[in-house]
Amino acid sequence: WATLLFIGGGLFAFFVVLPRLLLY
């Protein structure tokens, strides 16, 4: 679970958070 959450967090940042943050 720690590995899956680690990967999920990185993907969430890259595909969800960063585009919106950079857009601002």
PDB file of all heavy atoms in Angstrom:
ATOM      1  N   TRP A   1       0.818  -1.209   0.000  1.00  0.00           N
ATOM      2  CA  TRP A   1       0.000   0.000   0.000  1.00  0.00           C
ATOM      3  C   TRP A   1       0.854   1.262   0.000  1.00  0.00           C
ATOM      4  O   TRP A   1       0.495   2.265  -0.635  1.00  0.00           O
ATOM      5  CB  TRP A   1      -0.953  -0.007   1.188  1.00  0.00           C
ATOM      6  CG  TRP A   1      -2.128  -0.899   0.974  1.00  0.00           C
ATOM      7  CD1 TRP A   1      -2.358  -2.112   1.544  1.00  0.00           C
ATOM      8  CD2 TRP A   1      -3.228  -0.658   0.099  1.00  0.00           C
ATOM      9  NE1 TRP A   1      -3.533  -2.650   1.087  1.00  0.00           N
ATOM     10  CE2 TRP A   1      -4.094  -1.782   0.198  1.00  0.00           C
ATOM     11  CE3 TRP A   1      -3.576   0.378  -0.759  1.00  0.00           C
ATOM     12  CZ2 TRP A   1      -5.272  -1.876  -0.532  1.00  0.00           C
ATOM     13  CZ3 TRP A   1      -4.743   0.292  -1.485  1.00  0.00           C
ATOM     14  CH2 TRP A   1      -5.583  -0.824  -1.371  1.00  0.00           C
ATOM     15  N   ALA A   2       1.975   1.244   0.702  1.00  0.00           N
ATOM     16  CA  ALA A   2       2.858   2.411   0.717  1.00  0.00           C
ATOM     17  C   ALA A   2       3.405   2.689  -0.680  1.00  0.00           C
ATOM     18  O   ALA A   2       3.476   3.844  -1.123  1.00  0.00           O
ATOM     19  CB  ALA A   2       4.003   2.199   1.702  1.00  0.00           C
ATOM     20  N   THR A   3       3.763   1.628  -1.401  1.00  0.00           N
ATOM     21  CA  THR A   3       4.278   1.794  -2.760  1.00  0.00           C
ATOM     22  C   THR A   3       3.200   2.313  -3.699  1.00  0.00           C
ATOM     23  O   THR A   3       3.440   3.237  -4.492  1.00  0.00           O
ATOM     24  CB  THR A   3       4.824   0.454  -3.288  1.00  0.00           C
ATOM     25  OG1 THR A   3       5.875  -0.006  -2.420  1.00  0.00           O
ATOM     26  CG2 THR A   3       5.361   0.607  -4.699  1.00  0.00           C
ATOM     27  N   LEU A   4       1.995   1.731  -3.615  1.00  0.00           N
ATOM     28  CA  LEU A   4       0.903   2.167  -4.486  1.00  0.00           C
ATOM     29  C   LEU A   4       0.518   3.619  -4.217  1.00  0.00           C
ATOM     30  O   LEU A   4       0.272   4.392  -5.156  1.00  0.00           O
ATOM     31  CB  LEU A   4      -0.310   1.254  -4.298  1.00  0.00           C
ATOM     32  CG  LEU A   4      -0.160  -0.195  -4.789  1.00  0.00           C
ATOM     33  CD1 LEU A   4      -1.414  -0.995  -4.472  1.00  0.00           C
ATOM     34  CD2 LEU A   4       0.144  -0.230  -6.280  1.00  0.00           C
ATOM     35  N   LEU A   5       0.477   4.009  -2.947  1.00  0.00           N
ATOM     36  CA  LEU A   5       0.142   5.389  -2.609  1.00  0.00           C
ATOM     37  C   LEU A   5       1.244   6.350  -3.053  1.00  0.00           C
ATOM     38  O   LEU A   5       0.962   7.475  -3.475  1.00  0.00           O
ATOM     39  CB  LEU A   5      -0.096   5.521  -1.104  1.00  0.00           C
ATOM     40  CG  LEU A   5      -1.400   4.906  -0.585  1.00  0.00           C
ATOM     41  CD1 LEU A   5      -1.411   4.879   0.933  1.00  0.00           C
ATOM     42  CD2 LEU A   5      -2.606   5.687  -1.109  1.00  0.00           C
ATOM     43  N   PHE A   6       2.485   5.921  -2.957  1.00  0.00           N
ATOM     44  CA  PHE A   6       3.611   6.742  -3.406  1.00  0.00           C
ATOM     45  C   PHE A   6       3.496   7.016  -4.903  1.00  0.00           C
ATOM     46  O   PHE A   6       3.614   8.168  -5.362  1.00  0.00           O
ATOM     47  CB  PHE A   6       4.918   6.034  -3.084  1.00  0.00           C
ATOM     48  CG  PHE A   6       6.150   6.845  -3.380  1.00  0.00           C
ATOM     49  CD1 PHE A   6       6.629   7.756  -2.460  1.00  0.00           C
ATOM     50  CD2 PHE A   6       6.829   6.683  -4.582  1.00  0.00           C
ATOM     51  CE1 PHE A   6       7.764   8.504  -2.728  1.00  0.00           C
ATOM     52  CE2 PHE A   6       7.968   7.419  -4.858  1.00  0.00           C
ATOM     53  CZ  PHE A   6       8.432   8.333  -3.931  1.00  0.00           C
ATOM     54  N   ILE A   7       3.236   5.973  -5.678  1.00  0.00           N
ATOM     55  CA  ILE A   7       3.078   6.128  -7.122  1.00  0.00           C
ATOM     56  C   ILE A   7       1.848   6.976  -7.437  1.00  0.00           C
ATOM     57  O   ILE A   7       1.890   7.874  -8.294  1.00  0.00           O
ATOM     58  CB  ILE A   7       2.972   4.751  -7.800  1.00  0.00           C
ATOM     59  CG1 ILE A   7       4.283   3.975  -7.609  1.00  0.00           C
ATOM     60  CG2 ILE A   7       2.647   4.890  -9.281  1.00  0.00           C
ATOM     61  CD1 ILE A   7       4.222   2.545  -8.076  1.00  0.00           C
ATOM     62  N   GLY A   8       0.733   6.707  -6.734  1.00  0.00           N
ATOM     63  CA  GLY A   8      -0.484   7.465  -6.953  1.00  0.00           C
ATOM     64  C   GLY A   8      -0.308   8.944  -6.650  1.00  0.00           C
ATOM     65  O   GLY A   8      -0.830   9.805  -7.374  1.00  0.00           O
ATOM     66  N   GLY A   9       0.429   9.255  -5.592  1.00  0.00           N
ATOM     67  CA  GLY A   9       0.668  10.657  -5.251  1.00  0.00           C
ATOM     68  C   GLY A   9       1.476  11.380  -6.313  1.00  0.00           C
ATOM     69  O   GLY A   9       1.185  12.527  -6.655  1.00  0.00           O
ATOM     70  N   GLY A  10       2.503  10.702  -6.838  1.00  0.00           N
ATOM     71  CA  GLY A  10       3.302  11.309  -7.895  1.00  0.00           C
ATOM     72  C   GLY A  10       2.492  11.551  -9.155  1.00  0.00           C
ATOM     73  O   GLY A  10       2.596  12.616  -9.782  1.00  0.00           O
ATOM     74  N   LEU A  11       1.659  10.582  -9.543  1.00  0.00           N
ATOM     75  CA  LEU A  11       0.817  10.736 -10.735  1.00  0.00           C
ATOM     76  C   LEU A  11      -0.229  11.834 -10.540  1.00  0.00           C
ATOM     77  O   LEU A  11      -0.510  12.608 -11.460  1.00  0.00           O
ATOM     78  CB  LEU A  11       0.131   9.407 -11.062  1.00  0.00           C
ATOM     79  CG  LEU A  11       1.060   8.265 -11.499  1.00  0.00           C
ATOM     80  CD1 LEU A  11       0.261   6.979 -11.684  1.00  0.00           C
ATOM     81  CD2 LEU A  11       1.794   8.625 -12.785  1.00  0.00           C
ATOM     82  N   PHE A  12      -0.801  11.908  -9.340  1.00  0.00           N
ATOM     83  CA  PHE A  12      -1.787  12.950  -9.042  1.00  0.00           C
ATOM     84  C   PHE A  12      -1.153  14.337  -9.162  1.00  0.00           C
ATOM     85  O   PHE A  12      -1.765  15.267  -9.717  1.00  0.00           O
ATOM     86  CB  PHE A  12      -2.348  12.742  -7.644  1.00  0.00           C
ATOM     87  CG  PHE A  12      -3.349  13.777  -7.218  1.00  0.00           C
ATOM     88  CD1 PHE A  12      -4.658  13.731  -7.665  1.00  0.00           C
ATOM     89  CD2 PHE A  12      -2.976  14.809  -6.364  1.00  0.00           C
ATOM     90  CE1 PHE A  12      -5.576  14.689  -7.281  1.00  0.00           C
ATOM     91  CE2 PHE A  12      -3.885  15.768  -5.966  1.00  0.00           C
ATOM     92  CZ  PHE A  12      -5.196  15.709  -6.428  1.00  0.00           C
ATOM     93  N   ALA A  13       0.061  14.484  -8.642  1.00  0.00           N
ATOM     94  CA  ALA A  13       0.743  15.775  -8.727  1.00  0.00           C
ATOM     95  C   ALA A  13       1.027  16.144 -10.173  1.00  0.00           C
ATOM     96  O   ALA A  13       0.821  17.289 -10.593  1.00  0.00           O
ATOM     97  CB  ALA A  13       2.041  15.726  -7.929  1.00  0.00           C
ATOM     98  N   PHE A  14       1.478  15.173 -10.952  1.00  0.00           N
ATOM     99  CA  PHE A  14       1.920  15.458 -12.314  1.00  0.00           C
ATOM    100  C   PHE A  14       0.754  15.764 -13.253  1.00  0.00           C
ATOM    101  O   PHE A  14       0.828  16.684 -14.070  1.00  0.00           O
ATOM    102  CB  PHE A  14       2.717  14.274 -12.857  1.00  0.00           C
ATOM    103  CG  PHE A  14       3.450  14.568 -14.143  1.00  0.00           C
ATOM    104  CD1 PHE A  14       4.664  15.216 -14.120  1.00  0.00           C
ATOM    105  CD2 PHE A  14       2.907  14.202 -15.361  1.00  0.00           C
ATOM    106  CE1 PHE A  14       5.335  15.496 -15.298  1.00  0.00           C
ATOM    107  CE2 PHE A  14       3.563  14.479 -16.544  1.00  0.00           C
ATOM    108  CZ  PHE A  14       4.788  15.125 -16.511  1.00  0.00           C
ATOM    109  N   PHE A  15      -0.334  15.003 -13.124  1.00  0.00           N
ATOM    110  CA  PHE A  15      -1.423  15.127 -14.089  1.00  0.00           C
ATOM    111  C   PHE A  15      -2.578  16.011 -13.609  1.00  0.00           C
ATOM    112  O   PHE A  15      -3.377  16.464 -14.436  1.00  0.00           O
ATOM    113  CB  PHE A  15      -1.977  13.741 -14.443  1.00  0.00           C
ATOM    114  CG  PHE A  15      -1.028  12.909 -15.254  1.00  0.00           C
ATOM    115  CD1 PHE A  15      -0.346  11.857 -14.677  1.00  0.00           C
ATOM    116  CD2 PHE A  15      -0.800  13.189 -16.590  1.00  0.00           C
ATOM    117  CE1 PHE A  15       0.536  11.084 -15.418  1.00  0.00           C
ATOM    118  CE2 PHE A  15       0.071  12.427 -17.345  1.00  0.00           C
ATOM    119  CZ  PHE A  15       0.747  11.373 -16.757  1.00  0.00           C
ATOM    120  N   VAL A  16      -2.674  16.260 -12.301  1.00  0.00           N
ATOM    121  CA  VAL A  16      -3.808  17.029 -11.779  1.00  0.00           C
ATOM    122  C   VAL A  16      -3.353  18.359 -11.176  1.00  0.00           C
ATOM    123  O   VAL A  16      -3.850  19.433 -11.557  1.00  0.00           O
ATOM    124  CB  VAL A  16      -4.591  16.210 -10.729  1.00  0.00           C
ATOM    125  CG1 VAL A  16      -5.744  17.036 -10.167  1.00  0.00           C
ATOM    126  CG2 VAL A  16      -5.122  14.918 -11.337  1.00  0.00           C
ATOM    127  N   VAL A  17      -2.413  18.297 -10.240  1.00  0.00           N
ATOM    128  CA  VAL A  17      -2.037  19.506  -9.499  1.00  0.00           C
ATOM    129  C   VAL A  17      -1.180  20.445 -10.338  1.00  0.00           C
ATOM    130  O   VAL A  17      -1.471  21.647 -10.449  1.00  0.00           O
ATOM    131  CB  VAL A  17      -1.306  19.130  -8.202  1.00  0.00           C
ATOM    132  CG1 VAL A  17      -0.836  20.386  -7.474  1.00  0.00           C
ATOM    133  CG2 VAL A  17      -2.216  18.313  -7.298  1.00  0.00           C
ATOM    134  N   LEU A  18      -0.120  19.918 -10.946  1.00  0.00           N
ATOM    135  CA  LEU A  18       0.826  20.779 -11.651  1.00  0.00           C
ATOM    136  C   LEU A  18       0.203  21.560 -12.814  1.00  0.00           C
ATOM    137  O   LEU A  18       0.471  22.768 -12.939  1.00  0.00           O
ATOM    138  CB  LEU A  18       2.019  19.952 -12.144  1.00  0.00           C
ATOM    139  CG  LEU A  18       3.067  19.640 -11.070  1.00  0.00           C
ATOM    140  CD1 LEU A  18       4.111  18.674 -11.592  1.00  0.00           C
ATOM    141  CD2 LEU A  18       3.736  20.928 -10.588  1.00  0.00           C
ATOM    142  N   PRO A  19      -0.616  20.942 -13.681  1.00  0.00           N
ATOM    143  CA  PRO A  19      -1.220  21.754 -14.753  1.00  0.00           C
ATOM    144  C   PRO A  19      -2.028  22.929 -14.230  1.00  0.00           C
ATOM    145  O   PRO A  19      -1.968  24.036 -14.795  1.00  0.00           O
ATOM    146  CB  PRO A  19      -2.102  20.741 -15.491  1.00  0.00           C
ATOM    147  CG  PRO A  19      -1.456  19.419 -15.246  1.00  0.00           C
ATOM    148  CD  PRO A  19      -0.928  19.511 -13.848  1.00  0.00           C
ATOM    149  N   ARG A  20      -2.778  22.721 -13.150  1.00  0.00           N
ATOM    150  CA  ARG A  20      -3.581  23.806 -12.590  1.00  0.00           C
ATOM    151  C   ARG A  20      -2.712  24.864 -11.899  1.00  0.00           C
ATOM    152  O   ARG A  20      -2.988  26.063 -11.980  1.00  0.00           O
ATOM    153  CB  ARG A  20      -4.616  23.242 -11.616  1.00  0.00           C
ATOM    154  CG  ARG A  20      -5.729  22.491 -12.331  1.00  0.00           C
ATOM    155  CD  ARG A  20      -6.484  21.558 -11.412  1.00  0.00           C
ATOM    156  NE  ARG A  20      -7.617  20.940 -12.098  1.00  0.00           N
ATOM    157  CZ  ARG A  20      -7.495  19.933 -12.948  1.00  0.00           C
ATOM    158  NH1 ARG A  20      -6.300  19.428 -13.222  1.00  0.00           N
ATOM    159  NH2 ARG A  20      -8.566  19.423 -13.538  1.00  0.00           N
ATOM    160  N   LEU A  21      -1.679  24.398 -11.217  1.00  0.00           N
ATOM    161  CA  LEU A  21      -0.783  25.328 -10.545  1.00  0.00           C
ATOM    162  C   LEU A  21      -0.008  26.166 -11.562  1.00  0.00           C
ATOM    163  O   LEU A  21       0.129  27.393 -11.415  1.00  0.00           O
ATOM    164  CB  LEU A  21       0.180  24.550  -9.651  1.00  0.00           C
ATOM    165  CG  LEU A  21       0.949  25.332  -8.592  1.00  0.00           C
ATOM    166  CD1 LEU A  21      -0.001  26.038  -7.646  1.00  0.00           C
ATOM    167  CD2 LEU A  21       1.866  24.395  -7.812  1.00  0.00           C
ATOM    168  N   LEU A  22       0.480  25.516 -12.602  1.00  0.00           N
ATOM    169  CA  LEU A  22       1.206  26.244 -13.637  1.00  0.00           C
ATOM    170  C   LEU A  22       0.282  27.178 -14.414  1.00  0.00           C
ATOM    171  O   LEU A  22       0.705  28.256 -14.860  1.00  0.00           O
ATOM    172  CB  LEU A  22       1.876  25.252 -14.591  1.00  0.00           C
ATOM    173  CG  LEU A  22       3.058  24.474 -13.993  1.00  0.00           C
ATOM    174  CD1 LEU A  22       3.512  23.380 -14.943  1.00  0.00           C
ATOM    175  CD2 LEU A  22       4.212  25.409 -13.667  1.00  0.00           C
ATOM    176  N   LEU A  23      -0.980  26.765 -14.587  1.00  0.00           N
ATOM    177  CA  LEU A  23      -1.945  27.627 -15.257  1.00  0.00           C
ATOM    178  C   LEU A  23      -2.105  28.938 -14.495  1.00  0.00           C
ATOM    179  O   LEU A  23      -2.191  30.019 -15.100  1.00  0.00           O
ATOM    180  CB  LEU A  23      -3.292  26.908 -15.376  1.00  0.00           C
ATOM    181  CG  LEU A  23      -4.408  27.680 -16.092  1.00  0.00           C
ATOM    182  CD1 LEU A  23      -4.032  27.930 -17.552  1.00  0.00           C
ATOM    183  CD2 LEU A  23      -5.722  26.908 -16.003  1.00  0.00           C
ATOM    184  N   TYR A  24      -2.123  28.850 -13.178  1.00  0.00           N
ATOM    185  CA  TYR A  24      -2.217  30.073 -12.378  1.00  0.00           C
ATOM    186  C   TYR A  24      -0.944  30.913 -12.502  1.00  0.00           C
ATOM    187  O   TYR A  24      -1.004  32.132 -12.721  1.00  0.00           O
ATOM    188  CB  TYR A  24      -2.476  29.730 -10.918  1.00  0.00           C
ATOM    189  CG  TYR A  24      -2.277  30.912 -10.003  1.00  0.00           C
ATOM    190  CD1 TYR A  24      -3.214  31.933  -9.944  1.00  0.00           C
ATOM    191  CD2 TYR A  24      -1.117  31.015  -9.236  1.00  0.00           C
ATOM    192  CE1 TYR A  24      -3.010  33.033  -9.136  1.00  0.00           C
ATOM    193  CE2 TYR A  24      -0.909  32.112  -8.421  1.00  0.00           C
ATOM    194  CZ  TYR A  24      -1.864  33.120  -8.368  1.00  0.00           C
ATOM    195  OH  TYR A  24      -1.657  34.209  -7.576  1.00  0.00           O
TER     196      TYR A  24
END
